[in-house]
Amino acid sequence: MTAAPAPDRYISFADIDVEGNMAAVMRHLDRYLGDPAHANALWERFRRRLAKAEADAVPVADKLLLLHAHVYYMVELFEDHDDTAALAALAKLEEECF
């Protein structure tokens, strides 16, 4: 039995769990954003924009765009904490969904 080919966003987004990938990254990010030690103007603005994106009529697209726009900040945050699991989830989101 041959394995099914890996999903390829360049061919189709079929079989790519965009919402699941976003949720995985958000679970990691929420650990930091919920900690007052990591509070700053950037992440406070991100949280406001995230709340708005989740309330919009097309929340997946808006949330995906917001995550995409902040990917380098998330990489820095996760690298600063040697959070390899978060970096792996973010890399999967980038590779499959951005």
N, C-alpha and C. Protein backbone atom coordinates (compact mmCIF):
# COMPACT_ATOMS: atom_id res chain seq x y z
N MET A 1 0.85 -1.18 0.00
CA MET A 1 0.00 0.00 0.00
C MET A 1 0.89 1.24 0.00
N THR A 2 0.69 2.12 -0.95
CA THR A 2 1.49 3.34 -1.03
C THR A 2 0.84 4.45 -0.21
N ALA A 3 1.69 5.25 0.36
CA ALA A 3 1.20 6.36 1.17
C ALA A 3 0.65 7.46 0.26
N ALA A 4 -0.36 8.12 0.75
CA ALA A 4 -0.93 9.25 -0.01
C ALA A 4 0.09 10.37 -0.05
N PRO A 5 0.15 11.09 -1.15
CA PRO A 5 1.11 12.19 -1.21
C PRO A 5 0.74 13.27 -0.19
N ALA A 6 1.75 13.94 0.30
CA ALA A 6 1.54 15.03 1.26
C ALA A 6 0.77 16.16 0.58
N PRO A 7 -0.09 16.83 1.32
CA PRO A 7 -0.80 17.97 0.73
C PRO A 7 0.18 19.01 0.21
N ASP A 8 -0.16 19.61 -0.89
CA ASP A 8 0.71 20.61 -1.51
C ASP A 8 -0.10 21.85 -1.82
N ARG A 9 0.17 22.92 -1.10
CA ARG A 9 -0.61 24.15 -1.27
C ARG A 9 -0.45 24.74 -2.66
N TYR A 10 0.62 24.39 -3.36
CA TYR A 10 0.82 24.95 -4.69
C TYR A 10 -0.08 24.27 -5.72
N ILE A 11 -0.57 23.10 -5.39
CA ILE A 11 -1.49 22.41 -6.28
C ILE A 11 -2.92 22.67 -5.82
N SER A 12 -3.15 22.51 -4.53
CA SER A 12 -4.50 22.68 -3.98
C SER A 12 -4.38 22.76 -2.46
N PHE A 13 -5.30 23.46 -1.86
CA PHE A 13 -5.34 23.49 -0.40
C PHE A 13 -6.16 22.32 0.13
N ALA A 14 -6.60 21.42 -0.75
CA ALA A 14 -7.35 20.25 -0.33
C ALA A 14 -6.50 19.42 0.62
N ASP A 15 -7.14 18.88 1.64
CA ASP A 15 -6.49 18.01 2.63
C ASP A 15 -5.50 18.75 3.53
N ILE A 16 -5.50 20.07 3.51
CA ILE A 16 -4.68 20.86 4.43
C ILE A 16 -5.61 21.39 5.50
N ASP A 17 -5.28 21.11 6.74
CA ASP A 17 -6.10 21.53 7.87
C ASP A 17 -5.68 22.94 8.30
N VAL A 18 -6.13 23.92 7.55
CA VAL A 18 -5.74 25.30 7.81
C VAL A 18 -6.16 25.72 9.22
N GLU A 19 -7.40 25.44 9.58
CA GLU A 19 -7.87 25.83 10.91
C GLU A 19 -7.12 25.09 12.00
N GLY A 20 -6.84 23.83 11.81
CA GLY A 20 -6.08 23.06 12.79
C GLY A 20 -4.67 23.57 12.95
N ASN A 21 -4.04 23.94 11.83
CA ASN A 21 -2.69 24.49 11.88
C ASN A 21 -2.68 25.83 12.62
N MET A 22 -3.68 26.67 12.33
CA MET A 22 -3.77 27.95 13.04
C MET A 22 -4.00 27.73 14.53
N ALA A 23 -4.87 26.80 14.87
CA ALA A 23 -5.18 26.52 16.27
C ALA A 23 -3.94 26.04 17.02
N ALA A 24 -3.13 25.21 16.37
CA ALA A 24 -1.91 24.70 17.01
C ALA A 24 -0.96 25.86 17.35
N VAL A 25 -0.78 26.76 16.41
CA VAL A 25 0.09 27.92 16.66
C VAL A 25 -0.51 28.80 17.75
N MET A 26 -1.81 29.01 17.68
CA MET A 26 -2.46 29.87 18.67
C MET A 26 -2.36 29.29 20.08
N ARG A 27 -2.42 27.97 20.22
CA ARG A 27 -2.27 27.36 21.56
C ARG A 27 -0.91 27.72 22.14
N HIS A 28 0.12 27.68 21.31
CA HIS A 28 1.46 28.04 21.78
C HIS A 28 1.53 29.53 22.08
N LEU A 29 1.02 30.32 21.16
CA LEU A 29 1.08 31.77 21.32
C LEU A 29 0.29 32.24 22.54
N ASP A 30 -0.84 31.61 22.79
CA ASP A 30 -1.67 32.00 23.94
C ASP A 30 -0.95 31.84 25.27
N ARG A 31 -0.06 30.88 25.36
CA ARG A 31 0.71 30.70 26.60
C ARG A 31 1.53 31.95 26.90
N TYR A 32 2.05 32.57 25.87
CA TYR A 32 2.88 33.76 26.06
C TYR A 32 2.03 35.02 26.18
N LEU A 33 1.01 35.13 25.35
CA LEU A 33 0.19 36.34 25.37
C LEU A 33 -0.63 36.45 26.64
N GLY A 34 -0.89 35.34 27.29
CA GLY A 34 -1.63 35.36 28.55
C GLY A 34 -0.75 35.68 29.75
N ASP A 35 0.54 35.76 29.53
CA ASP A 35 1.50 36.03 30.60
C ASP A 35 1.85 37.52 30.59
N PRO A 36 1.55 38.23 31.69
CA PRO A 36 1.85 39.67 31.74
C PRO A 36 3.33 40.00 31.50
N ALA A 37 4.21 39.04 31.71
CA ALA A 37 5.63 39.29 31.49
C ALA A 37 5.94 39.52 30.01
N HIS A 38 5.05 39.07 29.13
CA HIS A 38 5.26 39.23 27.69
C HIS A 38 4.39 40.33 27.09
N ALA A 39 3.72 41.08 27.95
CA ALA A 39 2.83 42.14 27.46
C ALA A 39 3.66 43.29 26.89
N ASN A 40 3.24 43.75 25.73
CA ASN A 40 3.83 44.94 25.13
C ASN A 40 2.83 45.46 24.09
N ALA A 41 3.11 46.60 23.54
CA ALA A 41 2.17 47.24 22.61
C ALA A 41 1.91 46.37 21.38
N LEU A 42 2.93 45.70 20.87
CA LEU A 42 2.77 44.86 19.69
C LEU A 42 1.77 43.75 19.96
N TRP A 43 1.97 43.00 21.03
CA TRP A 43 1.10 41.87 21.29
C TRP A 43 -0.29 42.29 21.76
N GLU A 44 -0.39 43.44 22.41
CA GLU A 44 -1.73 43.95 22.77
C GLU A 44 -2.51 44.31 21.51
N ARG A 45 -1.85 44.95 20.57
CA ARG A 45 -2.51 45.27 19.30
C ARG A 45 -2.87 44.00 18.54
N PHE A 46 -1.98 43.03 18.55
CA PHE A 46 -2.25 41.74 17.92
C PHE A 46 -3.51 41.11 18.51
N ARG A 47 -3.61 41.12 19.84
CA ARG A 47 -4.78 40.52 20.50
C ARG A 47 -6.07 41.23 20.11
N ARG A 48 -6.03 42.56 20.01
CA ARG A 48 -7.23 43.32 19.58
C ARG A 48 -7.60 42.95 18.15
N ARG A 49 -6.61 42.90 17.28
CA ARG A 49 -6.87 42.56 15.88
C ARG A 49 -7.35 41.12 15.74
N LEU A 50 -6.83 40.23 16.57
CA LEU A 50 -7.26 38.84 16.55
C LEU A 50 -8.72 38.74 16.96
N ALA A 51 -9.11 39.45 18.01
CA ALA A 51 -10.51 39.45 18.45
C ALA A 51 -11.42 39.95 17.34
N LYS A 52 -10.98 41.00 16.64
CA LYS A 52 -11.77 41.53 15.53
C LYS A 52 -11.85 40.51 14.39
N ALA A 53 -10.74 39.88 14.07
CA ALA A 53 -10.72 38.89 12.99
C ALA A 53 -11.66 37.73 13.31
N GLU A 54 -11.66 37.30 14.56
CA GLU A 54 -12.52 36.18 14.94
C GLU A 54 -14.00 36.56 14.92
N ALA A 55 -14.29 37.85 15.03
CA ALA A 55 -15.68 38.31 15.02
C ALA A 55 -16.17 38.64 13.61
N ASP A 56 -15.26 38.73 12.64
CA ASP A 56 -15.63 39.09 11.28
C ASP A 56 -16.37 37.95 10.57
N ALA A 57 -16.97 38.30 9.46
CA ALA A 57 -17.75 37.33 8.68
C ALA A 57 -16.87 36.23 8.07
N VAL A 58 -15.60 36.54 7.80
CA VAL A 58 -14.68 35.56 7.20
C VAL A 58 -13.49 35.39 8.15
N PRO A 59 -13.71 34.81 9.33
CA PRO A 59 -12.67 34.79 10.35
C PRO A 59 -11.43 33.99 9.98
N VAL A 60 -11.57 32.91 9.23
CA VAL A 60 -10.40 32.10 8.90
C VAL A 60 -9.43 32.89 8.05
N ALA A 61 -9.91 33.52 6.99
CA ALA A 61 -9.04 34.28 6.11
C ALA A 61 -8.40 35.45 6.86
N ASP A 62 -9.18 36.15 7.66
CA ASP A 62 -8.64 37.29 8.39
C ASP A 62 -7.63 36.86 9.44
N LYS A 63 -7.90 35.77 10.12
CA LYS A 63 -6.98 35.27 11.15
C LYS A 63 -5.70 34.75 10.50
N LEU A 64 -5.83 34.07 9.38
CA LEU A 64 -4.66 33.57 8.67
C LEU A 64 -3.78 34.73 8.21
N LEU A 65 -4.39 35.78 7.70
CA LEU A 65 -3.63 36.95 7.27
C LEU A 65 -2.93 37.61 8.46
N LEU A 66 -3.61 37.70 9.58
CA LEU A 66 -3.02 38.29 10.78
C LEU A 66 -1.82 37.47 11.25
N LEU A 67 -1.98 36.17 11.29
CA LEU A 67 -0.85 35.31 11.69
C LEU A 67 0.31 35.45 10.71
N HIS A 68 -0.02 35.49 9.44
CA HIS A 68 1.03 35.64 8.42
C HIS A 68 1.79 36.95 8.61
N ALA A 69 1.08 38.01 8.90
CA ALA A 69 1.71 39.32 9.06
C ALA A 69 2.60 39.39 10.30
N HIS A 70 2.40 38.49 11.24
CA HIS A 70 3.17 38.52 12.49
C HIS A 70 4.12 37.33 12.62
N VAL A 71 4.35 36.61 11.55
CA VAL A 71 5.14 35.38 11.63
C VAL A 71 6.55 35.63 12.17
N TYR A 72 7.20 36.71 11.75
CA TYR A 72 8.57 36.95 12.20
C TYR A 72 8.61 37.29 13.69
N TYR A 73 7.59 37.95 14.17
CA TYR A 73 7.52 38.27 15.61
C TYR A 73 7.29 37.00 16.42
N MET A 74 6.47 36.10 15.87
CA MET A 74 6.23 34.83 16.57
C MET A 74 7.50 33.98 16.57
N VAL A 75 8.22 33.96 15.46
CA VAL A 75 9.48 33.21 15.42
C VAL A 75 10.41 33.74 16.50
N GLU A 76 10.54 35.05 16.59
CA GLU A 76 11.43 35.65 17.59
C GLU A 76 10.98 35.27 19.01
N LEU A 77 9.68 35.36 19.28
CA LEU A 77 9.16 35.02 20.59
C LEU A 77 9.45 33.56 20.94
N PHE A 78 9.15 32.67 20.01
CA PHE A 78 9.35 31.24 20.26
C PHE A 78 10.84 30.90 20.37
N GLU A 79 11.68 31.52 19.54
CA GLU A 79 13.11 31.27 19.63
C GLU A 79 13.69 31.79 20.94
N ASP A 80 13.21 32.94 21.39
CA ASP A 80 13.69 33.50 22.67
C ASP A 80 13.43 32.55 23.83
N HIS A 81 12.43 31.68 23.68
CA HIS A 81 12.08 30.75 24.75
C HIS A 81 12.44 29.30 24.41
N ASP A 82 13.23 29.14 23.35
CA ASP A 82 13.63 27.79 22.91
C ASP A 82 12.44 26.85 22.83
N ASP A 83 11.34 27.35 22.31
CA ASP A 83 10.10 26.60 22.22
C ASP A 83 10.05 25.87 20.89
N THR A 84 10.67 24.71 20.85
CA THR A 84 10.78 23.97 19.59
C THR A 84 9.43 23.46 19.11
N ALA A 85 8.55 23.11 20.03
CA ALA A 85 7.22 22.64 19.61
C ALA A 85 6.45 23.77 18.93
N ALA A 86 6.53 24.97 19.48
CA ALA A 86 5.86 26.13 18.88
C ALA A 86 6.47 26.45 17.52
N LEU A 87 7.78 26.39 17.42
CA LEU A 87 8.44 26.66 16.15
C LEU A 87 8.05 25.62 15.09
N ALA A 88 7.90 24.38 15.50
CA ALA A 88 7.49 23.33 14.56
C ALA A 88 6.06 23.57 14.08
N ALA A 89 5.17 23.95 15.00
CA ALA A 89 3.78 24.23 14.61
C ALA A 89 3.73 25.43 13.67
N LEU A 90 4.53 26.44 13.95
CA LEU A 90 4.57 27.62 13.09
C LEU A 90 5.15 27.28 11.72
N ALA A 91 6.18 26.46 11.69
CA ALA A 91 6.78 26.06 10.41
C ALA A 91 5.77 25.29 9.56
N LYS A 92 4.98 24.43 10.21
CA LYS A 92 3.94 23.69 9.47
C LYS A 92 2.89 24.63 8.92
N LEU A 93 2.46 25.61 9.74
CA LEU A 93 1.49 26.61 9.27
C LEU A 93 2.05 27.37 8.08
N GLU A 94 3.30 27.80 8.19
CA GLU A 94 3.93 28.54 7.08
C GLU A 94 4.00 27.70 5.82
N GLU A 95 4.49 26.49 5.96
CA GLU A 95 4.70 25.63 4.79
C GLU A 95 3.41 25.26 4.10
N GLU A 96 2.37 24.96 4.87
CA GLU A 96 1.14 24.46 4.28
C GLU A 96 0.13 25.57 3.94
N CYS A 97 0.20 26.70 4.64
CA CYS A 97 -0.92 27.63 4.54
C CYS A 97 -0.55 29.05 4.05
N PHE A 98 0.69 29.44 4.14
CA PHE A 98 1.04 30.81 3.74
C PHE A 98 1.48 30.85 2.29
